[in-house]
PDB file of N, CA and C in Angstrom:
ATOM      1  N   MET A   1      14.004   5.139   6.106  1.00  0.00           N
ATOM      2  CA  MET A   1      13.445   5.148   7.437  1.00  0.00           C
ATOM      3  C   MET A   1      13.395   6.590   7.916  1.00  0.00           C
ATOM      4  N   CYS A   2      12.417   6.913   8.690  1.00  0.00           N
ATOM      5  CA  CYS A   2      12.240   8.266   9.184  1.00  0.00           C
ATOM      6  C   CYS A   2      13.248   8.556  10.286  1.00  0.00           C
ATOM      7  N   THR A   3      14.164   9.463   9.996  1.00  0.00           N
ATOM      8  CA  THR A   3      15.135   9.876  11.003  1.00  0.00           C
ATOM      9  C   THR A   3      15.162  11.379  11.149  1.00  0.00           C
ATOM     10  N   ASP A   4      14.343  12.066  10.355  1.00  0.00           N
ATOM     11  CA  ASP A   4      14.380  13.517  10.342  1.00  0.00           C
ATOM     12  C   ASP A   4      13.337  14.167  11.235  1.00  0.00           C
ATOM     13  N   CYS A   5      12.459  13.389  11.817  1.00  0.00           N
ATOM     14  CA  CYS A   5      11.436  14.001  12.648  1.00  0.00           C
ATOM     15  C   CYS A   5      11.105  13.090  13.828  1.00  0.00           C
ATOM     16  N   SER A   6      10.352  13.618  14.750  1.00  0.00           N
ATOM     17  CA  SER A   6       9.976  12.818  15.919  1.00  0.00           C
ATOM     18  C   SER A   6       8.464  12.672  16.000  1.00  0.00           C
ATOM     19  N   CYS A   7       7.816  12.675  14.822  1.00  0.00           N
ATOM     20  CA  CYS A   7       6.360  12.573  14.816  1.00  0.00           C
ATOM     21  C   CYS A   7       5.913  11.141  15.111  1.00  0.00           C
ATOM     22  N   SER A   8       4.686  11.003  15.491  1.00  0.00           N
ATOM     23  CA  SER A   8       4.164   9.670  15.763  1.00  0.00           C
ATOM     24  C   SER A   8       3.696   9.024  14.463  1.00  0.00           C
ATOM     25  N   THR A   9       3.529   7.742  14.492  1.00  0.00           N
ATOM     26  CA  THR A   9       3.071   7.012  13.324  1.00  0.00           C
ATOM     27  C   THR A   9       1.626   7.375  13.031  1.00  0.00           C
ATOM     28  N   VAL A  10       1.364   7.713  11.784  1.00  0.00           N
ATOM     29  CA  VAL A  10       0.039   8.154  11.370  1.00  0.00           C
ATOM     30  C   VAL A  10      -0.318   7.462  10.068  1.00  0.00           C
ATOM     31  N   ASN A  11      -1.553   7.055   9.929  1.00  0.00           N
ATOM     32  CA  ASN A  11      -2.018   6.479   8.671  1.00  0.00           C
ATOM     33  C   ASN A  11      -2.402   7.608   7.724  1.00  0.00           C
ATOM     34  N   ILE A  12      -1.975   7.519   6.482  1.00  0.00           N
ATOM     35  CA  ILE A  12      -2.340   8.481   5.461  1.00  0.00           C
ATOM     36  C   ILE A  12      -3.274   7.756   4.504  1.00  0.00           C
ATOM     37  N   GLU A  13      -4.440   8.309   4.309  1.00  0.00           N
ATOM     38  CA  GLU A  13      -5.366   7.706   3.358  1.00  0.00           C
ATOM     39  C   GLU A  13      -5.707   8.723   2.300  1.00  0.00           C
ATOM     40  N   THR A  14      -5.724   8.292   1.057  1.00  0.00           N
ATOM     41  CA  THR A  14      -6.091   9.164  -0.032  1.00  0.00           C
ATOM     42  C   THR A  14      -7.557   8.916  -0.376  1.00  0.00           C
ATOM     43  N   ALA A  15      -8.031   9.649  -1.365  1.00  0.00           N
ATOM     44  CA  ALA A  15      -9.419   9.486  -1.787  1.00  0.00           C
ATOM     45  C   ALA A  15      -9.657   8.047  -2.221  1.00  0.00           C
ATOM     46  N   PRO A  16     -10.882   7.546  -2.043  1.00  0.00           N
ATOM     47  CA  PRO A  16     -11.159   6.170  -2.459  1.00  0.00           C
ATOM     48  C   PRO A  16     -10.995   6.009  -3.960  1.00  0.00           C
ATOM     49  N   PRO A  17     -10.707   4.805  -4.401  1.00  0.00           N
ATOM     50  CA  PRO A  17     -10.523   4.573  -5.826  1.00  0.00           C
ATOM     51  C   PRO A  17     -11.777   4.913  -6.618  1.00  0.00           C
ATOM     52  N   THR A  18     -11.560   5.340  -7.855  1.00  0.00           N
ATOM     53  CA  THR A  18     -12.686   5.675  -8.713  1.00  0.00           C
ATOM     54  C   THR A  18     -13.193   4.418  -9.409  1.00  0.00           C
ATOM     55  N   THR A  19     -14.320   4.559 -10.096  1.00  0.00           N
ATOM     56  CA  THR A  19     -14.897   3.421 -10.812  1.00  0.00           C
ATOM     57  C   THR A  19     -14.062   3.047 -12.029  1.00  0.00           C
ATOM     58  N   GLU A  20     -13.090   3.897 -12.410  1.00  0.00           N
ATOM     59  CA  GLU A  20     -12.224   3.596 -13.537  1.00  0.00           C
ATOM     60  C   GLU A  20     -11.174   2.546 -13.181  1.00  0.00           C
ATOM     61  N   ASP A  21     -11.000   2.263 -11.899  1.00  0.00           N
ATOM     62  CA  ASP A  21      -9.965   1.329 -11.466  1.00  0.00           C
ATOM     63  C   ASP A  21     -10.190  -0.060 -12.048  1.00  0.00           C
ATOM     64  N   THR A  22      -9.099  -0.648 -12.477  1.00  0.00           N
ATOM     65  CA  THR A  22      -9.166  -2.027 -12.935  1.00  0.00           C
ATOM     66  C   THR A  22      -8.313  -2.934 -12.060  1.00  0.00           C
ATOM     67  N   THR A  23      -7.375  -2.339 -11.314  1.00  0.00           N
ATOM     68  CA  THR A  23      -6.456  -3.134 -10.517  1.00  0.00           C
ATOM     69  C   THR A  23      -6.205  -2.458  -9.172  1.00  0.00           C
ATOM     70  N   ALA A  24      -6.198  -3.242  -8.117  1.00  0.00           N
ATOM     71  CA  ALA A  24      -5.769  -2.772  -6.802  1.00  0.00           C
ATOM     72  C   ALA A  24      -4.819  -3.825  -6.253  1.00  0.00           C
ATOM     73  N   THR A  25      -3.583  -3.420  -6.028  1.00  0.00           N
ATOM     74  CA  THR A  25      -2.563  -4.340  -5.561  1.00  0.00           C
ATOM     75  C   THR A  25      -1.927  -3.792  -4.295  1.00  0.00           C
ATOM     76  N   THR A  26      -1.656  -4.670  -3.331  1.00  0.00           N
ATOM     77  CA  THR A  26      -1.053  -4.255  -2.072  1.00  0.00           C
ATOM     78  C   THR A  26       0.389  -4.740  -2.006  1.00  0.00           C
ATOM     79  N   TYR A  27       1.253  -3.851  -1.543  1.00  0.00           N
ATOM     80  CA  TYR A  27       2.680  -4.136  -1.411  1.00  0.00           C
ATOM     81  C   TYR A  27       3.118  -3.883   0.027  1.00  0.00           C
ATOM     82  N   ASN A  28       4.150  -4.575   0.471  1.00  0.00           N
ATOM     83  CA  ASN A  28       4.752  -4.339   1.783  1.00  0.00           C
ATOM     84  C   ASN A  28       5.999  -3.494   1.588  1.00  0.00           C
ATOM     85  N   VAL A  29       6.090  -2.410   2.369  1.00  0.00           N
ATOM     86  CA  VAL A  29       7.217  -1.494   2.267  1.00  0.00           C
ATOM     87  C   VAL A  29       7.916  -1.426   3.621  1.00  0.00           C
ATOM     88  N   VAL A  30       9.231  -1.522   3.596  1.00  0.00           N
ATOM     89  CA  VAL A  30      10.039  -1.532   4.810  1.00  0.00           C
ATOM     90  C   VAL A  30      10.555  -0.124   5.103  1.00  0.00           C
ATOM     91  N   GLY A  31      10.455   0.292   6.372  1.00  0.00           N
ATOM     92  CA  GLY A  31      11.078   1.525   6.814  1.00  0.00           C
ATOM     93  C   GLY A  31      10.165   2.713   7.014  1.00  0.00           C
ATOM     94  N   MET A  32       8.900   2.600   6.662  1.00  0.00           N
ATOM     95  CA  MET A  32       7.979   3.723   6.863  1.00  0.00           C
ATOM     96  C   MET A  32       7.579   3.784   8.334  1.00  0.00           C
ATOM     97  N   THR A  33       7.750   4.956   8.959  1.00  0.00           N
ATOM     98  CA  THR A  33       7.427   5.079  10.373  1.00  0.00           C
ATOM     99  C   THR A  33       6.539   6.270  10.711  1.00  0.00           C
ATOM    100  N   CYS A  34       6.308   7.172   9.758  1.00  0.00           N
ATOM    101  CA  CYS A  34       5.537   8.375  10.084  1.00  0.00           C
ATOM    102  C   CYS A  34       4.770   8.879   8.872  1.00  0.00           C
ATOM    103  N   SER A  35       4.012   9.938   9.076  1.00  0.00           N
ATOM    104  CA  SER A  35       3.217  10.505   7.992  1.00  0.00           C
ATOM    105  C   SER A  35       4.092  11.077   6.886  1.00  0.00           C
ATOM    106  N   GLY A  36       5.286  11.568   7.240  1.00  0.00           N
ATOM    107  CA  GLY A  36       6.212  12.054   6.218  1.00  0.00           C
ATOM    108  C   GLY A  36       6.676  10.934   5.318  1.00  0.00           C
ATOM    109  N   CYS A  37       6.958   9.780   5.911  1.00  0.00           N
ATOM    110  CA  CYS A  37       7.347   8.594   5.144  1.00  0.00           C
ATOM    111  C   CYS A  37       6.215   8.204   4.181  1.00  0.00           C
ATOM    112  N   ALA A  38       5.017   8.146   4.720  1.00  0.00           N
ATOM    113  CA  ALA A  38       3.854   7.752   3.926  1.00  0.00           C
ATOM    114  C   ALA A  38       3.629   8.716   2.776  1.00  0.00           C
ATOM    115  N   SER A  39       3.800   9.994   3.053  1.00  0.00           N
ATOM    116  CA  SER A  39       3.613  11.004   2.010  1.00  0.00           C
ATOM    117  C   SER A  39       4.638  10.843   0.900  1.00  0.00           C
ATOM    118  N   SER A  40       5.888  10.584   1.253  1.00  0.00           N
ATOM    119  CA  SER A  40       6.941  10.396   0.251  1.00  0.00           C
ATOM    120  C   SER A  40       6.643   9.211  -0.653  1.00  0.00           C
ATOM    121  N   VAL A  41       6.261   8.094  -0.054  1.00  0.00           N
ATOM    122  CA  VAL A  41       5.958   6.891  -0.830  1.00  0.00           C
ATOM    123  C   VAL A  41       4.728   7.123  -1.710  1.00  0.00           C
ATOM    124  N   SER A  42       3.696   7.706  -1.131  1.00  0.00           N
ATOM    125  CA  SER A  42       2.458   7.963  -1.871  1.00  0.00           C
ATOM    126  C   SER A  42       2.703   8.887  -3.060  1.00  0.00           C
ATOM    127  N   THR A  43       3.464   9.941  -2.847  1.00  0.00           N
ATOM    128  CA  THR A  43       3.753  10.893  -3.920  1.00  0.00           C
ATOM    129  C   THR A  43       4.554  10.243  -5.034  1.00  0.00           C
ATOM    130  N   SER A  44       5.563   9.473  -4.682  1.00  0.00           N
ATOM    131  CA  SER A  44       6.404   8.827  -5.681  1.00  0.00           C
ATOM    132  C   SER A  44       5.610   7.833  -6.526  1.00  0.00           C
ATOM    133  N   ILE A  45       4.817   6.987  -5.873  1.00  0.00           N
ATOM    134  CA  ILE A  45       4.002   6.014  -6.615  1.00  0.00           C
ATOM    135  C   ILE A  45       2.922   6.735  -7.420  1.00  0.00           C
ATOM    136  N   GLY A  46       2.348   7.776  -6.850  1.00  0.00           N
ATOM    137  CA  GLY A  46       1.278   8.517  -7.514  1.00  0.00           C
ATOM    138  C   GLY A  46       1.682   9.174  -8.818  1.00  0.00           C
ATOM    139  N   LYS A  47       2.987   9.345  -9.042  1.00  0.00           N
ATOM    140  CA  LYS A  47       3.482   9.950 -10.282  1.00  0.00           C
ATOM    141  C   LYS A  47       3.471   8.974 -11.457  1.00  0.00           C
ATOM    142  N   LEU A  48       3.318   7.682 -11.173  1.00  0.00           N
ATOM    143  CA  LEU A  48       3.315   6.686 -12.250  1.00  0.00           C
ATOM    144  C   LEU A  48       2.042   6.810 -13.080  1.00  0.00           C
ATOM    145  N   ASP A  49       2.189   6.679 -14.393  1.00  0.00           N
ATOM    146  CA  ASP A  49       1.029   6.717 -15.284  1.00  0.00           C
ATOM    147  C   ASP A  49       0.058   5.604 -14.937  1.00  0.00           C
ATOM    148  N   GLY A  50      -1.212   5.945 -14.829  1.00  0.00           N
ATOM    149  CA  GLY A  50      -2.249   4.956 -14.564  1.00  0.00           C
ATOM    150  C   GLY A  50      -2.643   4.829 -13.111  1.00  0.00           C
ATOM    151  N   VAL A  51      -1.861   5.407 -12.188  1.00  0.00           N
ATOM    152  CA  VAL A  51      -2.200   5.321 -10.763  1.00  0.00           C
ATOM    153  C   VAL A  51      -3.336   6.292 -10.472  1.00  0.00           C
ATOM    154  N   THR A  52      -4.406   5.768  -9.897  1.00  0.00           N
ATOM    155  CA  THR A  52      -5.562   6.604  -9.565  1.00  0.00           C
ATOM    156  C   THR A  52      -5.621   6.952  -8.088  1.00  0.00           C
ATOM    157  N   SER A  53      -5.046   6.103  -7.230  1.00  0.00           N
ATOM    158  CA  SER A  53      -4.957   6.419  -5.802  1.00  0.00           C
ATOM    159  C   SER A  53      -3.948   5.497  -5.136  1.00  0.00           C
ATOM    160  N   VAL A  54      -3.434   5.976  -3.994  1.00  0.00           N
ATOM    161  CA  VAL A  54      -2.464   5.211  -3.217  1.00  0.00           C
ATOM    162  C   VAL A  54      -2.892   5.311  -1.762  1.00  0.00           C
ATOM    163  N   ASP A  55      -3.057   4.170  -1.104  1.00  0.00           N
ATOM    164  CA  ASP A  55      -3.414   4.131   0.315  1.00  0.00           C
ATOM    165  C   ASP A  55      -2.236   3.552   1.090  1.00  0.00           C
ATOM    166  N   VAL A  56      -1.673   4.360   1.986  1.00  0.00           N
ATOM    167  CA  VAL A  56      -0.502   3.944   2.757  1.00  0.00           C
ATOM    168  C   VAL A  56      -0.903   3.757   4.213  1.00  0.00           C
ATOM    169  N   ASP A  57      -0.484   2.641   4.790  1.00  0.00           N
ATOM    170  CA  ASP A  57      -0.714   2.380   6.212  1.00  0.00           C
ATOM    171  C   ASP A  57       0.647   2.092   6.842  1.00  0.00           C
ATOM    172  N   VAL A  58       1.200   3.096   7.548  1.00  0.00           N
ATOM    173  CA  VAL A  58       2.536   2.902   8.133  1.00  0.00           C
ATOM    174  C   VAL A  58       2.521   1.915   9.282  1.00  0.00           C
ATOM    175  N   THR A  59       1.383   1.730   9.916  1.00  0.00           N
ATOM    176  CA  THR A  59       1.283   0.778  11.019  1.00  0.00           C
ATOM    177  C   THR A  59       1.553  -0.644  10.553  1.00  0.00           C
ATOM    178  N   THR A  60       0.991  -0.999   9.402  1.00  0.00           N
ATOM    179  CA  THR A  60       1.183  -2.349   8.868  1.00  0.00           C
ATOM    180  C   THR A  60       2.286  -2.412   7.819  1.00  0.00           C
ATOM    181  N   GLY A  61       2.763  -1.253   7.373  1.00  0.00           N
ATOM    182  CA  GLY A  61       3.794  -1.215   6.341  1.00  0.00           C
ATOM    183  C   GLY A  61       3.275  -1.598   4.975  1.00  0.00           C
ATOM    184  N   THR A  62       1.988  -1.342   4.735  1.00  0.00           N
ATOM    185  CA  THR A  62       1.407  -1.711   3.450  1.00  0.00           C
ATOM    186  C   THR A  62       1.048  -0.487   2.619  1.00  0.00           C
ATOM    187  N   VAL A  63       1.095  -0.688   1.313  1.00  0.00           N
ATOM    188  CA  VAL A  63       0.722   0.340   0.347  1.00  0.00           C
ATOM    189  C   VAL A  63      -0.203  -0.320  -0.662  1.00  0.00           C
ATOM    190  N   ALA A  64      -1.443   0.179  -0.758  1.00  0.00           N
ATOM    191  CA  ALA A  64      -2.391  -0.318  -1.752  1.00  0.00           C
ATOM    192  C   ALA A  64      -2.384   0.657  -2.924  1.00  0.00           C
ATOM    193  N   VAL A  65      -2.092   0.147  -4.103  1.00  0.00           N
ATOM    194  CA  VAL A  65      -1.999   0.967  -5.306  1.00  0.00           C
ATOM    195  C   VAL A  65      -3.168   0.618  -6.212  1.00  0.00           C
ATOM    196  N   HIS A  66      -3.974   1.627  -6.523  1.00  0.00           N
ATOM    197  CA  HIS A  66      -5.124   1.466  -7.407  1.00  0.00           C
ATOM    198  C   HIS A  66      -4.763   2.071  -8.759  1.00  0.00           C
ATOM    199  N   THR A  67      -4.956   1.285  -9.817  1.00  0.00           N
ATOM    200  CA  THR A  67      -4.565   1.747 -11.147  1.00  0.00           C
ATOM    201  C   THR A  67      -5.660   1.543 -12.178  1.00  0.00           C
ATOM    202  N   SER A  68      -5.609   2.374 -13.206  1.00  0.00           N
ATOM    203  CA  SER A  68      -6.538   2.217 -14.324  1.00  0.00           C
ATOM    204  C   SER A  68      -5.886   1.419 -15.450  1.00  0.00           C
ATOM    205  N   THR A  69      -4.576   1.247 -15.376  1.00  0.00           N
ATOM    206  CA  THR A  69      -3.833   0.417 -16.321  1.00  0.00           C
ATOM    207  C   THR A  69      -2.856  -0.442 -15.525  1.00  0.00           C
ATOM    208  N   PRO A  70      -2.542  -1.621 -15.989  1.00  0.00           N
ATOM    209  CA  PRO A  70      -1.639  -2.505 -15.241  1.00  0.00           C
ATOM    210  C   PRO A  70      -0.235  -1.911 -15.102  1.00  0.00           C
ATOM    211  N   LEU A  71       0.359  -2.093 -13.930  1.00  0.00           N
ATOM    212  CA  LEU A  71       1.744  -1.715 -13.671  1.00  0.00           C
ATOM    213  C   LEU A  71       2.492  -2.956 -13.200  1.00  0.00           C
ATOM    214  N   THR A  72       3.775  -2.986 -13.475  1.00  0.00           N
ATOM    215  CA  THR A  72       4.574  -4.123 -13.029  1.00  0.00           C
ATOM    216  C   THR A  72       5.055  -3.886 -11.592  1.00  0.00           C
ATOM    217  N   ASP A  73       5.406  -4.963 -10.926  1.00  0.00           N
ATOM    218  CA  ASP A  73       5.987  -4.851  -9.588  1.00  0.00           C
ATOM    219  C   ASP A  73       7.273  -4.037  -9.634  1.00  0.00           C
ATOM    220  N   ASP A  74       8.029  -4.174 -10.716  1.00  0.00           N
ATOM    221  CA  ASP A  74       9.283  -3.427 -10.849  1.00  0.00           C
ATOM    222  C   ASP A  74       9.036  -1.921 -10.925  1.00  0.00           C
ATOM    223  N   GLN A  75       7.955  -1.503 -11.565  1.00  0.00           N
ATOM    224  CA  GLN A  75       7.629  -0.082 -11.622  1.00  0.00           C
ATOM    225  C   GLN A  75       7.321   0.457 -10.220  1.00  0.00           C
ATOM    226  N   ILE A  76       6.566  -0.311  -9.465  1.00  0.00           N
ATOM    227  CA  ILE A  76       6.233   0.093  -8.092  1.00  0.00           C
ATOM    228  C   ILE A  76       7.489   0.081  -7.238  1.00  0.00           C
ATOM    229  N   ARG A  77       8.297  -0.961  -7.377  1.00  0.00           N
ATOM    230  CA  ARG A  77       9.544  -1.080  -6.609  1.00  0.00           C
ATOM    231  C   ARG A  77      10.456   0.134  -6.862  1.00  0.00           C
ATOM    232  N   THR A  78      10.591   0.530  -8.116  1.00  0.00           N
ATOM    233  CA  THR A  78      11.427   1.680  -8.454  1.00  0.00           C
ATOM    234  C   THR A  78      10.900   2.952  -7.810  1.00  0.00           C
ATOM    235  N   ALA A  79       9.580   3.147  -7.833  1.00  0.00           N
ATOM    236  CA  ALA A  79       8.978   4.333  -7.213  1.00  0.00           C
ATOM    237  C   ALA A  79       9.205   4.333  -5.702  1.00  0.00           C
ATOM    238  N   VAL A  80       9.070   3.168  -5.075  1.00  0.00           N
ATOM    239  CA  VAL A  80       9.300   3.048  -3.630  1.00  0.00           C
ATOM    240  C   VAL A  80      10.758   3.359  -3.319  1.00  0.00           C
ATOM    241  N   GLU A  81      11.674   2.817  -4.119  1.00  0.00           N
ATOM    242  CA  GLU A  81      13.100   3.062  -3.903  1.00  0.00           C
ATOM    243  C   GLU A  81      13.462   4.520  -4.153  1.00  0.00           C
ATOM    244  N   ASP A  82      12.807   5.153  -5.141  1.00  0.00           N
ATOM    245  CA  ASP A  82      13.032   6.576  -5.408  1.00  0.00           C
ATOM    246  C   ASP A  82      12.629   7.432  -4.207  1.00  0.00           C
ATOM    247  N   ALA A  83      11.656   6.947  -3.437  1.00  0.00           N
ATOM    248  CA  ALA A  83      11.213   7.653  -2.233  1.00  0.00           C
ATOM    249  C   ALA A  83      12.127   7.369  -1.040  1.00  0.00           C
ATOM    250  N   GLY A  84      13.060   6.420  -1.194  1.00  0.00           N
ATOM    251  CA  GLY A  84      14.012   6.123  -0.149  1.00  0.00           C
ATOM    252  C   GLY A  84      13.668   4.918   0.716  1.00  0.00           C
ATOM    253  N   TYR A  85      12.791   4.060   0.214  1.00  0.00           N
ATOM    254  CA  TYR A  85      12.347   2.907   0.991  1.00  0.00           C
ATOM    255  C   TYR A  85      12.546   1.630   0.183  1.00  0.00           C
ATOM    256  N   THR A  86      12.238   0.497   0.785  1.00  0.00           N
ATOM    257  CA  THR A  86      12.443  -0.799   0.149  1.00  0.00           C
ATOM    258  C   THR A  86      11.152  -1.594   0.192  1.00  0.00           C
ATOM    259  N   MET A  87      10.835  -2.247  -0.925  1.00  0.00           N
ATOM    260  CA  MET A  87       9.703  -3.160  -0.929  1.00  0.00           C
ATOM    261  C   MET A  87      10.150  -4.475  -0.325  1.00  0.00           C
ATOM    262  N   ALA A  88       9.345  -5.011   0.557  1.00  0.00           N
ATOM    263  CA  ALA A  88       9.659  -6.302   1.174  1.00  0.00           C
ATOM    264  C   ALA A  88       9.517  -7.401   0.134  1.00  0.00           C
ATOM    265  N   THR A  89      10.358  -8.399   0.246  1.00  0.00           N
ATOM    266  CA  THR A  89      10.264  -9.543  -0.663  1.00  0.00           C
ATOM    267  C   THR A  89       9.392 -10.601  -0.020  1.00  0.00           C
ATOM    268  N   ALA A  90       8.745 -11.384  -0.848  1.00  0.00           N
ATOM    269  CA  ALA A  90       7.838 -12.424  -0.361  1.00  0.00           C
ATOM    270  C   ALA A  90       8.562 -13.545   0.296  1.00  0.00           C
TER     271      ALA A  90
END
């Protein structure tokens, strides 16, 4: 959760997915409150092999991950946790 700054909630959008995308999956992430939070999550997920873009919306707490190769939920969960956040359970 964002405790290091007093910025307002901002949506971070990355470049639109390329035509190489084969999968776009949306996840719910708990604790994102600002653009710094969104950047941390986006950067962490973006390091995974096959990720072509990440769209984070802190207002809704969603992260859309576009990939050129399939990724497991556990891979995304680990990246989210590495950024200091938690994926919501269904």
